[in-house]
């Protein structure tokens, strides 16, 4: 693993810990987090790496989250 990959992995871990803390404290839902990460330009692949899920699952969930947000 190169130095760049090592740094990226550590940053992904820090982001994931911060996101988990927000959910556990009730400050943000996972849906809101995904919509926010999408709005700042992260790809579904990046989100999947951060959250430990496949990009396909993230893409599907994000699509449903955006649809439910529009219908409100």
N, C-alpha and C. Protein backbone atom coordinates (compact mmCIF):
# COMPACT_ATOMS: atom_id res chain seq x y z
N UNK A 1 0.86 -1.18 0.00
CA UNK A 1 0.00 0.00 0.00
C UNK A 1 0.90 1.24 0.00
N UNK A 2 0.63 2.16 -0.90
CA UNK A 2 1.42 3.38 -0.98
C UNK A 2 1.06 4.33 0.16
N UNK A 3 1.88 5.34 0.33
CA UNK A 3 1.62 6.34 1.36
C UNK A 3 0.30 7.05 1.13
N UNK A 4 0.01 7.37 -0.14
CA UNK A 4 -1.26 8.04 -0.47
C UNK A 4 -2.45 7.17 -0.09
N UNK A 5 -2.39 5.88 -0.42
CA UNK A 5 -3.49 4.98 -0.10
C UNK A 5 -3.67 4.84 1.41
N UNK A 6 -2.57 4.85 2.12
CA UNK A 6 -2.62 4.76 3.57
C UNK A 6 -3.29 5.99 4.18
N UNK A 7 -2.96 7.15 3.67
CA UNK A 7 -3.58 8.39 4.15
C UNK A 7 -5.06 8.41 3.83
N UNK A 8 -5.41 8.00 2.62
CA UNK A 8 -6.82 7.97 2.23
C UNK A 8 -7.61 7.02 3.13
N UNK A 9 -7.05 5.87 3.42
CA UNK A 9 -7.73 4.90 4.28
C UNK A 9 -7.96 5.48 5.67
N UNK A 10 -6.96 6.16 6.19
CA UNK A 10 -7.11 6.76 7.52
C UNK A 10 -8.15 7.87 7.52
N UNK A 11 -8.18 8.68 6.48
CA UNK A 11 -9.19 9.73 6.38
C UNK A 11 -10.59 9.13 6.28
N UNK A 12 -10.72 8.05 5.51
CA UNK A 12 -12.02 7.38 5.40
C UNK A 12 -12.49 6.87 6.76
N UNK A 13 -11.55 6.34 7.55
CA UNK A 13 -11.89 5.86 8.89
C UNK A 13 -12.35 7.02 9.77
N UNK A 14 -11.65 8.13 9.72
CA UNK A 14 -12.05 9.30 10.52
C UNK A 14 -13.43 9.80 10.13
N UNK A 15 -13.68 9.87 8.83
CA UNK A 15 -15.00 10.31 8.35
C UNK A 15 -16.08 9.36 8.84
N UNK A 16 -15.81 8.06 8.73
CA UNK A 16 -16.80 7.07 9.16
C UNK A 16 -17.09 7.20 10.65
N UNK A 17 -16.06 7.38 11.47
CA UNK A 17 -16.26 7.54 12.91
C UNK A 17 -17.10 8.78 13.22
N UNK A 18 -16.84 9.86 12.52
CA UNK A 18 -17.62 11.09 12.72
C UNK A 18 -19.08 10.88 12.31
N UNK A 19 -19.30 10.19 11.21
CA UNK A 19 -20.67 9.92 10.75
C UNK A 19 -21.41 9.03 11.73
N UNK A 20 -20.73 8.00 12.22
CA UNK A 20 -21.35 7.09 13.19
C UNK A 20 -21.72 7.83 14.47
N UNK A 21 -20.88 8.76 14.89
CA UNK A 21 -21.16 9.53 16.09
C UNK A 21 -22.41 10.39 15.88
N UNK A 22 -22.55 11.00 14.72
CA UNK A 22 -23.73 11.82 14.44
C UNK A 22 -25.00 10.99 14.49
N UNK A 23 -24.95 9.79 13.94
CA UNK A 23 -26.13 8.91 13.95
C UNK A 23 -26.45 8.49 15.38
N UNK A 24 -25.43 8.08 16.14
CA UNK A 24 -25.68 7.60 17.50
C UNK A 24 -26.19 8.71 18.41
N UNK A 25 -25.79 9.94 18.16
CA UNK A 25 -26.26 11.07 18.96
C UNK A 25 -27.58 11.65 18.44
N UNK A 26 -28.08 11.12 17.35
CA UNK A 26 -29.35 11.57 16.79
C UNK A 26 -29.27 12.91 16.08
N UNK A 27 -28.06 13.35 15.73
CA UNK A 27 -27.90 14.63 15.05
C UNK A 27 -28.23 14.56 13.57
N UNK A 28 -28.04 13.39 12.97
CA UNK A 28 -28.27 13.21 11.54
C UNK A 28 -28.68 11.76 11.29
N UNK A 29 -29.54 11.57 10.32
CA UNK A 29 -29.88 10.21 9.92
C UNK A 29 -28.91 9.78 8.82
N UNK A 30 -28.83 8.48 8.59
CA UNK A 30 -27.96 7.96 7.53
C UNK A 30 -28.40 8.54 6.19
N UNK A 31 -29.72 8.67 5.99
CA UNK A 31 -30.24 9.23 4.74
C UNK A 31 -29.73 10.65 4.54
N UNK A 32 -29.81 11.47 5.58
CA UNK A 32 -29.32 12.85 5.49
C UNK A 32 -27.82 12.88 5.21
N UNK A 33 -27.07 11.96 5.81
CA UNK A 33 -25.64 11.90 5.57
C UNK A 33 -25.33 11.58 4.12
N UNK A 34 -26.05 10.61 3.56
CA UNK A 34 -25.81 10.24 2.17
C UNK A 34 -26.14 11.40 1.22
N UNK A 35 -27.23 12.08 1.49
CA UNK A 35 -27.61 13.22 0.66
C UNK A 35 -26.56 14.32 0.78
N UNK A 36 -26.05 14.54 1.99
CA UNK A 36 -25.02 15.55 2.19
C UNK A 36 -23.73 15.16 1.46
N UNK A 37 -23.30 13.91 1.61
CA UNK A 37 -22.06 13.47 0.94
C UNK A 37 -22.20 13.59 -0.57
N UNK A 38 -23.39 13.29 -1.09
CA UNK A 38 -23.63 13.45 -2.52
C UNK A 38 -23.54 14.92 -2.93
N UNK A 39 -24.08 15.79 -2.09
CA UNK A 39 -24.10 17.21 -2.43
C UNK A 39 -22.71 17.84 -2.43
N UNK A 40 -21.77 17.26 -1.68
CA UNK A 40 -20.40 17.81 -1.68
C UNK A 40 -19.51 17.14 -2.72
N UNK A 41 -20.10 16.25 -3.51
CA UNK A 41 -19.38 15.70 -4.65
C UNK A 41 -18.76 14.33 -4.48
N UNK A 42 -19.02 13.65 -3.37
CA UNK A 42 -18.49 12.29 -3.23
C UNK A 42 -19.25 11.34 -4.15
N UNK A 43 -18.55 10.42 -4.76
CA UNK A 43 -19.19 9.43 -5.60
C UNK A 43 -19.78 8.33 -4.73
N UNK A 44 -20.65 7.52 -5.31
CA UNK A 44 -21.20 6.40 -4.55
C UNK A 44 -20.09 5.42 -4.17
N UNK A 45 -19.07 5.33 -4.99
CA UNK A 45 -17.92 4.48 -4.66
C UNK A 45 -17.18 4.99 -3.44
N UNK A 46 -16.97 6.33 -3.39
CA UNK A 46 -16.32 6.93 -2.22
C UNK A 46 -17.17 6.73 -0.96
N UNK A 47 -18.46 6.95 -1.10
CA UNK A 47 -19.35 6.77 0.05
C UNK A 47 -19.32 5.32 0.52
N UNK A 48 -19.32 4.40 -0.42
CA UNK A 48 -19.27 2.98 -0.08
C UNK A 48 -18.00 2.62 0.67
N UNK A 49 -16.87 3.15 0.23
CA UNK A 49 -15.60 2.89 0.92
C UNK A 49 -15.64 3.43 2.34
N UNK A 50 -16.19 4.62 2.50
CA UNK A 50 -16.26 5.24 3.82
C UNK A 50 -17.18 4.44 4.74
N UNK A 51 -18.33 4.02 4.22
CA UNK A 51 -19.33 3.35 5.05
C UNK A 51 -19.19 1.83 5.08
N UNK A 52 -18.29 1.29 4.27
CA UNK A 52 -18.10 -0.15 4.25
C UNK A 52 -19.21 -0.90 3.55
N UNK A 53 -19.79 -0.29 2.53
CA UNK A 53 -20.86 -0.91 1.76
C UNK A 53 -20.52 -0.83 0.28
N UNK A 54 -21.23 -1.61 -0.51
CA UNK A 54 -20.96 -1.57 -1.95
C UNK A 54 -21.54 -0.30 -2.55
N UNK A 55 -20.92 0.16 -3.63
CA UNK A 55 -21.40 1.38 -4.29
C UNK A 55 -22.80 1.15 -4.87
N UNK A 56 -23.09 -0.09 -5.25
CA UNK A 56 -24.43 -0.41 -5.77
C UNK A 56 -25.49 -0.21 -4.68
N UNK A 57 -25.18 -0.67 -3.47
CA UNK A 57 -26.13 -0.48 -2.36
C UNK A 57 -26.30 0.99 -2.04
N UNK A 58 -25.20 1.73 -2.02
CA UNK A 58 -25.25 3.16 -1.73
C UNK A 58 -26.07 3.88 -2.80
N UNK A 59 -25.84 3.54 -4.07
CA UNK A 59 -26.56 4.17 -5.18
C UNK A 59 -28.06 3.94 -5.05
N UNK A 60 -28.43 2.71 -4.74
CA UNK A 60 -29.85 2.38 -4.59
C UNK A 60 -30.47 3.14 -3.42
N UNK A 61 -29.79 3.15 -2.29
CA UNK A 61 -30.31 3.84 -1.11
C UNK A 61 -30.39 5.34 -1.35
N UNK A 62 -29.38 5.89 -2.00
CA UNK A 62 -29.35 7.33 -2.27
C UNK A 62 -30.50 7.72 -3.20
N UNK A 63 -30.77 6.90 -4.19
CA UNK A 63 -31.88 7.19 -5.10
C UNK A 63 -33.20 7.22 -4.34
N UNK A 64 -33.42 6.24 -3.46
CA UNK A 64 -34.65 6.21 -2.66
C UNK A 64 -34.71 7.41 -1.72
N UNK A 65 -33.57 7.78 -1.13
CA UNK A 65 -33.54 8.91 -0.20
C UNK A 65 -33.90 10.21 -0.90
N UNK A 66 -33.35 10.41 -2.10
CA UNK A 66 -33.66 11.63 -2.85
C UNK A 66 -35.12 11.67 -3.26
N UNK A 67 -35.66 10.52 -3.67
CA UNK A 67 -37.05 10.44 -4.09
C UNK A 67 -37.97 10.76 -2.92
N UNK A 68 -37.69 10.19 -1.75
CA UNK A 68 -38.55 10.43 -0.58
C UNK A 68 -38.44 11.88 -0.12
N UNK A 69 -37.28 12.48 -0.25
CA UNK A 69 -37.09 13.88 0.14
C UNK A 69 -37.89 14.82 -0.78
N UNK A 70 -37.93 14.50 -2.09
CA UNK A 70 -38.66 15.32 -3.06
C UNK A 70 -40.16 15.24 -2.83
N UNK A 71 -40.65 14.06 -2.39
CA UNK A 71 -42.09 13.87 -2.25
C UNK A 71 -42.63 14.54 -0.99
N UNK A 72 -41.77 15.01 -0.09
CA UNK A 72 -42.23 15.64 1.15
C UNK A 72 -42.59 17.08 0.95
